[in-house]
Amino acid sequence: MIAPKYVKPFVKRSKSDAIDAQAICEAALRPTMRFVQVRSEDNQAVALAFKARVLLVRQCRQIINALRGHLSEFGFVVAKGPTHVRNLVFAVEDGTIELPEMSRPLLSIFFDTHGALNRRIR
């Protein structure tokens, strides 16, 4: 395999599949071309695990920020960070905060999603 950054100098004009194939062939014929090893299935699985965790952490952070934003509109403000999410959950579930009844089921979806993501991350 040839890394794309090594083939790019051999592309003569605008991008198309035929032009890319021609550039790859020309690059492969060069005696000084550096090739890249094919990754093993284990390496690909490890990369998948890292990328999946990054995605789940990002989604968890988005849920937390959405909860903080929506509840701040109702006058309930809590500090930033994942450690303060419990305060949000308890305040909504205990009825400490006066919320319209329509918003409680929607917020519970956020709570459930956050709990599911949090279990998967750890």
PDB file of N, CA and C in Angstrom:
ATOM      1  N   MET A   1       0.843  -1.181   0.000  1.00  0.00           N
ATOM      2  CA  MET A   1       0.000   0.000   0.000  1.00  0.00           C
ATOM      3  C   MET A   1       0.887   1.243   0.000  1.00  0.00           C
ATOM      4  N   ILE A   2       0.377   2.253  -0.626  1.00  0.00           N
ATOM      5  CA  ILE A   2       1.080   3.529  -0.696  1.00  0.00           C
ATOM      6  C   ILE A   2       0.240   4.564   0.038  1.00  0.00           C
ATOM      7  N   ALA A   3       0.900   5.333   0.898  1.00  0.00           N
ATOM      8  CA  ALA A   3       0.198   6.391   1.620  1.00  0.00           C
ATOM      9  C   ALA A   3      -0.249   7.466   0.627  1.00  0.00           C
ATOM     10  N   PRO A   4      -1.449   8.008   0.813  1.00  0.00           N
ATOM     11  CA  PRO A   4      -1.961   9.018  -0.133  1.00  0.00           C
ATOM     12  C   PRO A   4      -1.059  10.233  -0.274  1.00  0.00           C
ATOM     13  N   LYS A   5      -0.372  10.606   0.792  1.00  0.00           N
ATOM     14  CA  LYS A   5       0.475  11.798   0.696  1.00  0.00           C
ATOM     15  C   LYS A   5       1.664  11.583  -0.233  1.00  0.00           C
ATOM     16  N   TYR A   6       2.039  10.318  -0.473  1.00  0.00           N
ATOM     17  CA  TYR A   6       3.128  10.029  -1.397  1.00  0.00           C
ATOM     18  C   TYR A   6       2.649   9.969  -2.849  1.00  0.00           C
ATOM     19  N   VAL A   7       1.373   9.742  -3.062  1.00  0.00           N
ATOM     20  CA  VAL A   7       0.819   9.652  -4.412  1.00  0.00           C
ATOM     21  C   VAL A   7       0.426  11.032  -4.929  1.00  0.00           C
ATOM     22  N   LYS A   8       0.059  11.921  -4.035  1.00  0.00           N
ATOM     23  CA  LYS A   8      -0.465  13.239  -4.424  1.00  0.00           C
ATOM     24  C   LYS A   8       0.430  13.987  -5.415  1.00  0.00           C
ATOM     25  N   PRO A   9       1.759  13.979  -5.274  1.00  0.00           N
ATOM     26  CA  PRO A   9       2.574  14.715  -6.252  1.00  0.00           C
ATOM     27  C   PRO A   9       2.472  14.174  -7.686  1.00  0.00           C
ATOM     28  N   PHE A  10       1.994  12.950  -7.855  1.00  0.00           N
ATOM     29  CA  PHE A  10       1.915  12.355  -9.182  1.00  0.00           C
ATOM     30  C   PHE A  10       0.578  12.616  -9.879  1.00  0.00           C
ATOM     31  N   VAL A  11      -0.375  13.241  -9.201  1.00  0.00           N
ATOM     32  CA  VAL A  11      -1.659  13.587  -9.816  1.00  0.00           C
ATOM     33  C   VAL A  11      -1.442  14.819 -10.683  1.00  0.00           C
ATOM     34  N   LYS A  12      -1.757  14.679 -11.981  1.00  0.00           N
ATOM     35  CA  LYS A  12      -1.415  15.743 -12.933  1.00  0.00           C
ATOM     36  C   LYS A  12      -2.473  16.834 -13.048  1.00  0.00           C
ATOM     37  N   ARG A  13      -3.739  16.458 -12.911  1.00  0.00           N
ATOM     38  CA  ARG A  13      -4.799  17.460 -13.085  1.00  0.00           C
ATOM     39  C   ARG A  13      -5.959  17.120 -12.160  1.00  0.00           C
ATOM     40  N   SER A  14      -7.119  17.628 -12.457  1.00  0.00           N
ATOM     41  CA  SER A  14      -8.254  17.497 -11.543  1.00  0.00           C
ATOM     42  C   SER A  14      -8.504  16.049 -11.144  1.00  0.00           C
ATOM     43  N   LYS A  15      -9.207  15.881 -10.035  1.00  0.00           N
ATOM     44  CA  LYS A  15      -9.377  14.568  -9.421  1.00  0.00           C
ATOM     45  C   LYS A  15     -10.484  13.762 -10.096  1.00  0.00           C
ATOM     46  N   SER A  16     -10.137  12.523 -10.446  1.00  0.00           N
ATOM     47  CA  SER A  16     -11.112  11.537 -10.904  1.00  0.00           C
ATOM     48  C   SER A  16     -10.516  10.164 -10.606  1.00  0.00           C
ATOM     49  N   ASP A  17     -11.295   9.129 -10.681  1.00  0.00           N
ATOM     50  CA  ASP A  17     -10.806   7.790 -10.370  1.00  0.00           C
ATOM     51  C   ASP A  17      -9.711   7.352 -11.335  1.00  0.00           C
ATOM     52  N   ALA A  18      -9.894   7.636 -12.602  1.00  0.00           N
ATOM     53  CA  ALA A  18      -8.901   7.231 -13.595  1.00  0.00           C
ATOM     54  C   ALA A  18      -7.570   7.954 -13.380  1.00  0.00           C
ATOM     55  N   ILE A  19      -7.638   9.241 -13.089  1.00  0.00           N
ATOM     56  CA  ILE A  19      -6.419  10.014 -12.861  1.00  0.00           C
ATOM     57  C   ILE A  19      -5.737   9.552 -11.580  1.00  0.00           C
ATOM     58  N   ASP A  20      -6.525   9.253 -10.539  1.00  0.00           N
ATOM     59  CA  ASP A  20      -5.949   8.728  -9.291  1.00  0.00           C
ATOM     60  C   ASP A  20      -5.274   7.388  -9.529  1.00  0.00           C
ATOM     61  N   ALA A  21      -5.901   6.508 -10.303  1.00  0.00           N
ATOM     62  CA  ALA A  21      -5.311   5.200 -10.591  1.00  0.00           C
ATOM     63  C   ALA A  21      -4.004   5.350 -11.357  1.00  0.00           C
ATOM     64  N   GLN A  22      -3.971   6.268 -12.297  1.00  0.00           N
ATOM     65  CA  GLN A  22      -2.752   6.521 -13.055  1.00  0.00           C
ATOM     66  C   GLN A  22      -1.643   7.031 -12.136  1.00  0.00           C
ATOM     67  N   ALA A  23      -1.974   7.915 -11.216  1.00  0.00           N
ATOM     68  CA  ALA A  23      -0.982   8.453 -10.282  1.00  0.00           C
ATOM     69  C   ALA A  23      -0.459   7.353  -9.356  1.00  0.00           C
ATOM     70  N   ILE A  24      -1.335   6.464  -8.923  1.00  0.00           N
ATOM     71  CA  ILE A  24      -0.904   5.362  -8.055  1.00  0.00           C
ATOM     72  C   ILE A  24       0.050   4.447  -8.809  1.00  0.00           C
ATOM     73  N   CYS A  25      -0.276   4.134 -10.057  1.00  0.00           N
ATOM     74  CA  CYS A  25       0.606   3.273 -10.856  1.00  0.00           C
ATOM     75  C   CYS A  25       1.969   3.923 -11.068  1.00  0.00           C
ATOM     76  N   GLU A  26       1.954   5.194 -11.381  1.00  0.00           N
ATOM     77  CA  GLU A  26       3.217   5.905 -11.600  1.00  0.00           C
ATOM     78  C   GLU A  26       4.037   5.962 -10.316  1.00  0.00           C
ATOM     79  N   ALA A  27       3.381   6.209  -9.181  1.00  0.00           N
ATOM     80  CA  ALA A  27       4.100   6.276  -7.911  1.00  0.00           C
ATOM     81  C   ALA A  27       4.659   4.908  -7.530  1.00  0.00           C
ATOM     82  N   ALA A  28       3.917   3.838  -7.812  1.00  0.00           N
ATOM     83  CA  ALA A  28       4.353   2.490  -7.437  1.00  0.00           C
ATOM     84  C   ALA A  28       5.580   2.056  -8.220  1.00  0.00           C
ATOM     85  N   LEU A  29       5.760   2.600  -9.423  1.00  0.00           N
ATOM     86  CA  LEU A  29       6.901   2.219 -10.250  1.00  0.00           C
ATOM     87  C   LEU A  29       8.194   2.911  -9.842  1.00  0.00           C
ATOM     88  N   ARG A  30       8.115   3.915  -9.034  1.00  0.00           N
ATOM     89  CA  ARG A  30       9.311   4.653  -8.612  1.00  0.00           C
ATOM     90  C   ARG A  30      10.149   3.779  -7.680  1.00  0.00           C
ATOM     91  N   PRO A  31      11.462   3.713  -7.881  1.00  0.00           N
ATOM     92  CA  PRO A  31      12.305   2.852  -7.032  1.00  0.00           C
ATOM     93  C   PRO A  31      12.446   3.372  -5.602  1.00  0.00           C
ATOM     94  N   THR A  32      12.240   4.650  -5.400  1.00  0.00           N
ATOM     95  CA  THR A  32      12.420   5.214  -4.050  1.00  0.00           C
ATOM     96  C   THR A  32      11.114   5.332  -3.275  1.00  0.00           C
ATOM     97  N   MET A  33      10.046   4.780  -3.811  1.00  0.00           N
ATOM     98  CA  MET A  33       8.733   4.924  -3.159  1.00  0.00           C
ATOM     99  C   MET A  33       8.713   4.166  -1.832  1.00  0.00           C
ATOM    100  N   ARG A  34       8.159   4.807  -0.824  1.00  0.00           N
ATOM    101  CA  ARG A  34       7.989   4.166   0.494  1.00  0.00           C
ATOM    102  C   ARG A  34       6.581   3.604   0.570  1.00  0.00           C
ATOM    103  N   PHE A  35       6.496   2.376   1.014  1.00  0.00           N
ATOM    104  CA  PHE A  35       5.203   1.710   1.110  1.00  0.00           C
ATOM    105  C   PHE A  35       4.789   1.610   2.570  1.00  0.00           C
ATOM    106  N   VAL A  36       3.498   1.451   2.786  1.00  0.00           N
ATOM    107  CA  VAL A  36       2.924   1.378   4.124  1.00  0.00           C
ATOM    108  C   VAL A  36       2.458  -0.051   4.354  1.00  0.00           C
ATOM    109  N   GLN A  37       2.716  -0.567   5.557  1.00  0.00           N
ATOM    110  CA  GLN A  37       2.261  -1.917   5.874  1.00  0.00           C
ATOM    111  C   GLN A  37       0.746  -1.927   6.067  1.00  0.00           C
ATOM    112  N   VAL A  38       0.149  -3.026   5.708  1.00  0.00           N
ATOM    113  CA  VAL A  38      -1.278  -3.204   5.924  1.00  0.00           C
ATOM    114  C   VAL A  38      -1.488  -3.483   7.409  1.00  0.00           C
ATOM    115  N   ARG A  39      -2.461  -2.808   8.009  1.00  0.00           N
ATOM    116  CA  ARG A  39      -2.711  -3.011   9.437  1.00  0.00           C
ATOM    117  C   ARG A  39      -3.387  -4.353   9.668  1.00  0.00           C
ATOM    118  N   SER A  40      -3.029  -4.978  10.769  1.00  0.00           N
ATOM    119  CA  SER A  40      -3.653  -6.256  11.111  1.00  0.00           C
ATOM    120  C   SER A  40      -5.062  -6.022  11.644  1.00  0.00           C
ATOM    121  N   GLU A  41      -5.827  -7.074  11.739  1.00  0.00           N
ATOM    122  CA  GLU A  41      -7.189  -6.949  12.269  1.00  0.00           C
ATOM    123  C   GLU A  41      -7.169  -6.497  13.724  1.00  0.00           C
ATOM    124  N   ASP A  42      -6.155  -6.952  14.482  1.00  0.00           N
ATOM    125  CA  ASP A  42      -6.047  -6.524  15.888  1.00  0.00           C
ATOM    126  C   ASP A  42      -5.791  -5.027  15.983  1.00  0.00           C
ATOM    127  N   ASN A  43      -4.910  -4.503  15.129  1.00  0.00           N
ATOM    128  CA  ASN A  43      -4.646  -3.060  15.135  1.00  0.00           C
ATOM    129  C   ASN A  43      -5.885  -2.272  14.754  1.00  0.00           C
ATOM    130  N   GLN A  44      -6.638  -2.775  13.789  1.00  0.00           N
ATOM    131  CA  GLN A  44      -7.872  -2.104  13.383  1.00  0.00           C
ATOM    132  C   GLN A  44      -8.902  -2.137  14.504  1.00  0.00           C
ATOM    133  N   ALA A  45      -8.958  -3.244  15.247  1.00  0.00           N
ATOM    134  CA  ALA A  45      -9.908  -3.349  16.365  1.00  0.00           C
ATOM    135  C   ALA A  45      -9.541  -2.378  17.473  1.00  0.00           C
ATOM    136  N   VAL A  46      -8.249  -2.234  17.755  1.00  0.00           N
ATOM    137  CA  VAL A  46      -7.812  -1.284  18.788  1.00  0.00           C
ATOM    138  C   VAL A  46      -8.148   0.146  18.362  1.00  0.00           C
ATOM    139  N   ALA A  47      -7.914   0.467  17.094  1.00  0.00           N
ATOM    140  CA  ALA A  47      -8.242   1.805  16.599  1.00  0.00           C
ATOM    141  C   ALA A  47      -9.741   2.050  16.689  1.00  0.00           C
ATOM    142  N   LEU A  48     -10.540   1.037  16.378  1.00  0.00           N
ATOM    143  CA  LEU A  48     -11.994   1.158  16.492  1.00  0.00           C
ATOM    144  C   LEU A  48     -12.404   1.437  17.933  1.00  0.00           C
ATOM    145  N   ALA A  49     -11.775   0.749  18.879  1.00  0.00           N
ATOM    146  CA  ALA A  49     -12.113   0.953  20.288  1.00  0.00           C
ATOM    147  C   ALA A  49     -11.824   2.390  20.721  1.00  0.00           C
ATOM    148  N   PHE A  50     -10.681   2.915  20.323  1.00  0.00           N
ATOM    149  CA  PHE A  50     -10.336   4.287  20.694  1.00  0.00           C
ATOM    150  C   PHE A  50     -11.290   5.296  20.057  1.00  0.00           C
ATOM    151  N   LYS A  51     -11.592   5.103  18.775  1.00  0.00           N
ATOM    152  CA  LYS A  51     -12.481   6.038  18.085  1.00  0.00           C
ATOM    153  C   LYS A  51     -13.895   5.976  18.641  1.00  0.00           C
ATOM    154  N   ALA A  52     -14.347   4.778  18.977  1.00  0.00           N
ATOM    155  CA  ALA A  52     -15.693   4.637  19.535  1.00  0.00           C
ATOM    156  C   ALA A  52     -15.773   5.319  20.892  1.00  0.00           C
ATOM    157  N   ARG A  53     -14.737   5.166  21.710  1.00  0.00           N
ATOM    158  CA  ARG A  53     -14.738   5.800  23.032  1.00  0.00           C
ATOM    159  C   ARG A  53     -14.751   7.324  22.903  1.00  0.00           C
ATOM    160  N   VAL A  54     -13.964   7.849  21.979  1.00  0.00           N
ATOM    161  CA  VAL A  54     -13.951   9.300  21.758  1.00  0.00           C
ATOM    162  C   VAL A  54     -15.338   9.787  21.356  1.00  0.00           C
ATOM    163  N   LEU A  55     -16.007   9.047  20.486  1.00  0.00           N
ATOM    164  CA  LEU A  55     -17.357   9.416  20.058  1.00  0.00           C
ATOM    165  C   LEU A  55     -18.323   9.390  21.236  1.00  0.00           C
ATOM    166  N   LEU A  56     -18.262   8.349  22.070  1.00  0.00           N
ATOM    167  CA  LEU A  56     -19.177   8.250  23.204  1.00  0.00           C
ATOM    168  C   LEU A  56     -18.927   9.352  24.227  1.00  0.00           C
ATOM    169  N   VAL A  57     -17.666   9.677  24.469  1.00  0.00           N
ATOM    170  CA  VAL A  57     -17.352  10.764  25.407  1.00  0.00           C
ATOM    171  C   VAL A  57     -17.890  12.086  24.878  1.00  0.00           C
ATOM    172  N   ARG A  58     -17.739  12.314  23.570  1.00  0.00           N
ATOM    173  CA  ARG A  58     -18.244  13.557  22.968  1.00  0.00           C
ATOM    174  C   ARG A  58     -19.763  13.631  23.074  1.00  0.00           C
ATOM    175  N   GLN A  59     -20.459  12.523  22.818  1.00  0.00           N
ATOM    176  CA  GLN A  59     -21.911  12.518  22.927  1.00  0.00           C
ATOM    177  C   GLN A  59     -22.362  12.725  24.367  1.00  0.00           C
ATOM    178  N   CYS A  60     -21.643  12.132  25.307  1.00  0.00           N
ATOM    179  CA  CYS A  60     -21.976  12.311  26.724  1.00  0.00           C
ATOM    180  C   CYS A  60     -21.839  13.782  27.119  1.00  0.00           C
ATOM    181  N   ARG A  61     -20.777  14.411  26.649  1.00  0.00           N
ATOM    182  CA  ARG A  61     -20.561  15.832  26.942  1.00  0.00           C
ATOM    183  C   ARG A  61     -21.659  16.683  26.312  1.00  0.00           C
ATOM    184  N   GLN A  62     -22.104  16.326  25.118  1.00  0.00           N
ATOM    185  CA  GLN A  62     -23.183  17.071  24.466  1.00  0.00           C
ATOM    186  C   GLN A  62     -24.481  16.966  25.255  1.00  0.00           C
ATOM    187  N   ILE A  63     -24.775  15.774  25.767  1.00  0.00           N
ATOM    188  CA  ILE A  63     -25.985  15.578  26.572  1.00  0.00           C
ATOM    189  C   ILE A  63     -25.918  16.426  27.836  1.00  0.00           C
ATOM    190  N   ILE A  64     -24.760  16.404  28.498  1.00  0.00           N
ATOM    191  CA  ILE A  64     -24.595  17.184  29.734  1.00  0.00           C
ATOM    192  C   ILE A  64     -24.804  18.671  29.447  1.00  0.00           C
ATOM    193  N   ASN A  65     -24.196  19.163  28.383  1.00  0.00           N
ATOM    194  CA  ASN A  65     -24.334  20.585  28.053  1.00  0.00           C
ATOM    195  C   ASN A  65     -25.773  20.930  27.671  1.00  0.00           C
ATOM    196  N   ALA A  66     -26.449  20.035  26.987  1.00  0.00           N
ATOM    197  CA  ALA A  66     -27.853  20.279  26.643  1.00  0.00           C
ATOM    198  C   ALA A  66     -28.700  20.346  27.907  1.00  0.00           C
ATOM    199  N   LEU A  67     -28.465  19.421  28.829  1.00  0.00           N
ATOM    200  CA  LEU A  67     -29.216  19.432  30.092  1.00  0.00           C
ATOM    201  C   LEU A  67     -28.980  20.730  30.856  1.00  0.00           C
ATOM    202  N   ARG A  68     -27.723  21.108  30.965  1.00  0.00           N
ATOM    203  CA  ARG A  68     -27.409  22.346  31.686  1.00  0.00           C
ATOM    204  C   ARG A  68     -28.079  23.544  31.026  1.00  0.00           C
ATOM    205  N   GLY A  69     -28.041  23.588  29.697  1.00  0.00           N
ATOM    206  CA  GLY A  69     -28.638  24.714  28.972  1.00  0.00           C
ATOM    207  C   GLY A  69     -30.141  24.778  29.131  1.00  0.00           C
ATOM    208  N   HIS A  70     -30.801  23.621  28.980  1.00  0.00           N
ATOM    209  CA  HIS A  70     -32.264  23.612  29.078  1.00  0.00           C
ATOM    210  C   HIS A  70     -32.720  23.933  30.498  1.00  0.00           C
ATOM    211  N   LEU A  71     -32.032  23.382  31.485  1.00  0.00           N
ATOM    212  CA  LEU A  71     -32.455  23.643  32.869  1.00  0.00           C
ATOM    213  C   LEU A  71     -32.098  25.054  33.324  1.00  0.00           C
ATOM    214  N   SER A  72     -31.075  25.645  32.721  1.00  0.00           N
ATOM    215  CA  SER A  72     -30.757  27.030  33.090  1.00  0.00           C
ATOM    216  C   SER A  72     -31.862  27.977  32.619  1.00  0.00           C
ATOM    217  N   GLU A  73     -32.563  27.595  31.561  1.00  0.00           N
ATOM    218  CA  GLU A  73     -33.690  28.417  31.106  1.00  0.00           C
ATOM    219  C   GLU A  73     -34.832  28.416  32.111  1.00  0.00           C
ATOM    220  N   PHE A  74     -34.898  27.367  32.930  1.00  0.00           N
ATOM    221  CA  PHE A  74     -35.915  27.294  33.977  1.00  0.00           C
ATOM    222  C   PHE A  74     -35.393  27.809  35.315  1.00  0.00           C
ATOM    223  N   GLY A  75     -34.163  28.340  35.319  1.00  0.00           N
ATOM    224  CA  GLY A  75     -33.625  28.941  36.531  1.00  0.00           C
ATOM    225  C   GLY A  75     -32.796  28.015  37.391  1.00  0.00           C
ATOM    226  N   PHE A  76     -32.515  26.811  36.939  1.00  0.00           N
ATOM    227  CA  PHE A  76     -31.684  25.890  37.720  1.00  0.00           C
ATOM    228  C   PHE A  76     -30.312  25.820  37.078  1.00  0.00           C
ATOM    229  N   VAL A  77     -29.321  26.403  37.763  1.00  0.00           N
ATOM    230  CA  VAL A  77     -27.964  26.469  37.228  1.00  0.00           C
ATOM    231  C   VAL A  77     -27.063  25.619  38.104  1.00  0.00           C
ATOM    232  N   VAL A  78     -26.237  24.805  37.479  1.00  0.00           N
ATOM    233  CA  VAL A  78     -25.274  23.976  38.216  1.00  0.00           C
ATOM    234  C   VAL A  78     -23.923  24.128  37.542  1.00  0.00           C
ATOM    235  N   ALA A  79     -22.877  23.798  38.268  1.00  0.00           N
ATOM    236  CA  ALA A  79     -21.516  23.949  37.761  1.00  0.00           C
ATOM    237  C   ALA A  79     -21.272  23.036  36.569  1.00  0.00           C
ATOM    238  N   LYS A  80     -20.269  23.398  35.782  1.00  0.00           N
ATOM    239  CA  LYS A  80     -19.913  22.598  34.612  1.00  0.00           C
ATOM    240  C   LYS A  80     -19.280  21.288  35.049  1.00  0.00           C
ATOM    241  N   GLY A  81     -19.321  20.330  34.154  1.00  0.00           N
ATOM    242  CA  GLY A  81     -18.626  19.073  34.385  1.00  0.00           C
ATOM    243  C   GLY A  81     -19.555  17.915  34.643  1.00  0.00           C
ATOM    244  N   PRO A  82     -19.057  16.715  34.377  1.00  0.00           N
ATOM    245  CA  PRO A  82     -19.884  15.519  34.520  1.00  0.00           C
ATOM    246  C   PRO A  82     -20.202  15.151  35.965  1.00  0.00           C
ATOM    247  N   THR A  83     -19.437  15.650  36.914  1.00  0.00           N
ATOM    248  CA  THR A  83     -19.688  15.300  38.314  1.00  0.00           C
ATOM    249  C   THR A  83     -20.952  15.954  38.857  1.00  0.00           C
ATOM    250  N   HIS A  84     -21.414  17.009  38.222  1.00  0.00           N
ATOM    251  CA  HIS A  84     -22.582  17.729  38.711  1.00  0.00           C
ATOM    252  C   HIS A  84     -23.885  17.285  38.056  1.00  0.00           C
ATOM    253  N   VAL A  85     -23.808  16.282  37.195  1.00  0.00           N
ATOM    254  CA  VAL A  85     -25.013  15.798  36.519  1.00  0.00           C
ATOM    255  C   VAL A  85     -25.976  15.184  37.526  1.00  0.00           C
ATOM    256  N   ARG A  86     -25.449  14.551  38.559  1.00  0.00           N
ATOM    257  CA  ARG A  86     -26.321  13.962  39.585  1.00  0.00           C
ATOM    258  C   ARG A  86     -27.243  15.013  40.188  1.00  0.00           C
ATOM    259  N   ASN A  87     -26.705  16.208  40.420  1.00  0.00           N
ATOM    260  CA  ASN A  87     -27.530  17.287  40.960  1.00  0.00           C
ATOM    261  C   ASN A  87     -28.704  17.600  40.031  1.00  0.00           C
ATOM    262  N   LEU A  88     -28.430  17.580  38.740  1.00  0.00           N
ATOM    263  CA  LEU A  88     -29.498  17.835  37.770  1.00  0.00           C
ATOM    264  C   LEU A  88     -30.559  16.741  37.830  1.00  0.00           C
ATOM    265  N   VAL A  89     -30.112  15.498  37.855  1.00  0.00           N
ATOM    266  CA  VAL A  89     -31.046  14.369  37.869  1.00  0.00           C
ATOM    267  C   VAL A  89     -31.914  14.418  39.119  1.00  0.00           C
ATOM    268  N   PHE A  90     -31.277  14.586  40.286  1.00  0.00           N
ATOM    269  CA  PHE A  90     -32.025  14.611  41.540  1.00  0.00           C
ATOM    270  C   PHE A  90     -33.011  15.764  41.581  1.00  0.00           C
ATOM    271  N   ALA A  91     -32.592  16.926  41.110  1.00  0.00           N
ATOM    272  CA  ALA A  91     -33.466  18.099  41.159  1.00  0.00           C
ATOM    273  C   ALA A  91     -34.700  17.917  40.282  1.00  0.00           C
ATOM    274  N   VAL A  92     -34.531  17.306  39.128  1.00  0.00           N
ATOM    275  CA  VAL A  92     -35.679  17.109  38.235  1.00  0.00           C
ATOM    276  C   VAL A  92     -36.575  15.995  38.756  1.00  0.00           C
ATOM    277  N   GLU A  93     -35.977  14.892  39.185  1.00  0.00           N
ATOM    278  CA  GLU A  93     -36.779  13.748  39.620  1.00  0.00           C
ATOM    279  C   GLU A  93     -37.472  13.988  40.958  1.00  0.00           C
ATOM    280  N   ASP A  94     -36.842  14.746  41.853  1.00  0.00           N
ATOM    281  CA  ASP A  94     -37.444  15.023  43.163  1.00  0.00           C
ATOM    282  C   ASP A  94     -38.502  16.108  43.098  1.00  0.00           C
ATOM    283  N   GLY A  95     -38.529  16.844  42.024  1.00  0.00           N
ATOM    284  CA  GLY A  95     -39.495  17.927  41.917  1.00  0.00           C
ATOM    285  C   GLY A  95     -39.015  19.194  42.596  1.00  0.00           C
ATOM    286  N   THR A  96     -37.709  19.292  42.870  1.00  0.00           N
ATOM    287  CA  THR A  96     -37.135  20.491  43.482  1.00  0.00           C
ATOM    288  C   THR A  96     -37.337  21.705  42.574  1.00  0.00           C
ATOM    289  N   ILE A  97     -37.241  21.469  41.302  1.00  0.00           N
ATOM    290  CA  ILE A  97     -37.413  22.543  40.336  1.00  0.00           C
ATOM    291  C   ILE A  97     -38.826  22.470  39.779  1.00  0.00           C
ATOM    292  N   GLU A  98     -39.445  23.606  39.656  1.00  0.00           N
ATOM    293  CA  GLU A  98     -40.759  23.642  39.027  1.00  0.00           C
ATOM    294  C   GLU A  98     -40.559  23.662  37.526  1.00  0.00           C
ATOM    295  N   LEU A  99     -41.028  22.590  36.901  1.00  0.00           N
ATOM    296  CA  LEU A  99     -40.909  22.463  35.453  1.00  0.00           C
ATOM    297  C   LEU A  99     -42.274  22.179  34.859  1.00  0.00           C
ATOM    298  N   PRO A 100     -42.501  22.607  33.647  1.00  0.00           N
ATOM    299  CA  PRO A 100     -43.736  22.208  32.980  1.00  0.00           C
ATOM    300  C   PRO A 100     -43.766  20.681  32.825  1.00  0.00           C
ATOM    301  N   GLU A 101     -44.914  20.103  32.974  1.00  0.00           N
ATOM    302  CA  GLU A 101     -45.031  18.642  32.901  1.00  0.00           C
ATOM    303  C   GLU A 101     -44.600  18.096  31.548  1.00  0.00           C
ATOM    304  N   MET A 102     -44.745  18.909  30.520  1.00  0.00           N
ATOM    305  CA  MET A 102     -44.348  18.476  29.190  1.00  0.00           C
ATOM    306  C   MET A 102     -42.830  18.262  29.089  1.00  0.00           C
ATOM    307  N   SER A 103     -42.054  18.996  29.877  1.00  0.00           N
ATOM    308  CA  SER A 103     -40.600  18.918  29.770  1.00  0.00           C
ATOM    309  C   SER A 103     -40.000  17.743  30.547  1.00  0.00           C
ATOM    310  N   ARG A 104     -40.689  17.231  31.550  1.00  0.00           N
ATOM    311  CA  ARG A 104     -40.133  16.141  32.365  1.00  0.00           C
ATOM    312  C   ARG A 104     -39.844  14.868  31.564  1.00  0.00           C
ATOM    313  N   PRO A 105     -40.769  14.387  30.727  1.00  0.00           N
ATOM    314  CA  PRO A 105     -40.436  13.186  29.941  1.00  0.00           C
ATOM    315  C   PRO A 105     -39.275  13.409  28.976  1.00  0.00           C
ATOM    316  N   LEU A 106     -39.193  14.619  28.431  1.00  0.00           N
ATOM    317  CA  LEU A 106     -38.088  14.910  27.517  1.00  0.00           C
ATOM    318  C   LEU A 106     -36.757  14.925  28.253  1.00  0.00           C
ATOM    319  N   LEU A 107     -36.754  15.526  29.435  1.00  0.00           N
ATOM    320  CA  LEU A 107     -35.525  15.530  30.230  1.00  0.00           C
ATOM    321  C   LEU A 107     -35.153  14.125  30.691  1.00  0.00           C
ATOM    322  N   SER A 108     -36.153  13.299  30.952  1.00  0.00           N
ATOM    323  CA  SER A 108     -35.840  11.926  31.361  1.00  0.00           C
ATOM    324  C   SER A 108     -35.178  11.149  30.218  1.00  0.00           C
ATOM    325  N   ILE A 109     -35.507  11.487  28.976  1.00  0.00           N
ATOM    326  CA  ILE A 109     -34.817  10.865  27.838  1.00  0.00           C
ATOM    327  C   ILE A 109     -33.339  11.243  27.859  1.00  0.00           C
ATOM    328  N   PHE A 110     -33.061  12.515  28.136  1.00  0.00           N
ATOM    329  CA  PHE A 110     -31.663  12.949  28.267  1.00  0.00           C
ATOM    330  C   PHE A 110     -30.968  12.178  29.381  1.00  0.00           C
ATOM    331  N   PHE A 111     -31.640  12.030  30.521  1.00  0.00           N
ATOM    332  CA  PHE A 111     -31.041  11.323  31.653  1.00  0.00           C
ATOM    333  C   PHE A 111     -30.754   9.865  31.297  1.00  0.00           C
ATOM    334  N   ASP A 112     -31.714   9.212  30.647  1.00  0.00           N
ATOM    335  CA  ASP A 112     -31.527   7.812  30.268  1.00  0.00           C
ATOM    336  C   ASP A 112     -30.379   7.662  29.276  1.00  0.00           C
ATOM    337  N   THR A 113     -30.328   8.554  28.310  1.00  0.00           N
ATOM    338  CA  THR A 113     -29.264   8.507  27.314  1.00  0.00           C
ATOM    339  C   THR A 113     -27.909   8.736  27.966  1.00  0.00           C
ATOM    340  N   HIS A 114     -27.844   9.708  28.858  1.00  0.00           N
ATOM    341  CA  HIS A 114     -26.586   9.978  29.551  1.00  0.00           C
ATOM    342  C   HIS A 114     -26.165   8.770  30.378  1.00  0.00           C
ATOM    343  N   GLY A 115     -27.114   8.156  31.074  1.00  0.00           N
ATOM    344  CA  GLY A 115     -26.782   6.971  31.877  1.00  0.00           C
ATOM    345  C   GLY A 115     -26.272   5.820  31.014  1.00  0.00           C
ATOM    346  N   ALA A 116     -26.917   5.600  29.868  1.00  0.00           N
ATOM    347  CA  ALA A 116     -26.483   4.533  28.967  1.00  0.00           C
ATOM    348  C   ALA A 116     -25.086   4.812  28.405  1.00  0.00           C
ATOM    349  N   LEU A 117     -24.843   6.063  28.000  1.00  0.00           N
ATOM    350  CA  LEU A 117     -23.522   6.416  27.486  1.00  0.00           C
ATOM    351  C   LEU A 117     -22.459   6.295  28.567  1.00  0.00           C
ATOM    352  N   ASN A 118     -22.800   6.734  29.762  1.00  0.00           N
ATOM    353  CA  ASN A 118     -21.840   6.694  30.860  1.00  0.00           C
ATOM    354  C   ASN A 118     -21.455   5.266  31.207  1.00  0.00           C
ATOM    355  N   ARG A 119     -22.412   4.342  31.161  1.00  0.00           N
ATOM    356  CA  ARG A 119     -22.098   2.934  31.432  1.00  0.00           C
ATOM    357  C   ARG A 119     -21.195   2.352  30.368  1.00  0.00           C
ATOM    358  N   ARG A 120     -21.384   2.765  29.120  1.00  0.00           N
ATOM    359  CA  ARG A 120     -20.584   2.233  28.010  1.00  0.00           C
ATOM    360  C   ARG A 120     -19.149   2.752  28.042  1.00  0.00           C
ATOM    361  N   ILE A 121     -18.981   3.972  28.505  1.00  0.00           N
ATOM    362  CA  ILE A 121     -17.646   4.595  28.491  1.00  0.00           C
ATOM    363  C   ILE A 121     -16.752   3.969  29.541  1.00  0.00           C
ATOM    364  N   ARG A 122     -17.281   3.685  30.672  1.00  0.00           N
ATOM    365  CA  ARG A 122     -16.460   3.214  31.798  1.00  0.00           C
ATOM    366  C   ARG A 122     -16.143   1.779  31.708  1.00  0.00           C
TER     367      ARG A 122
END
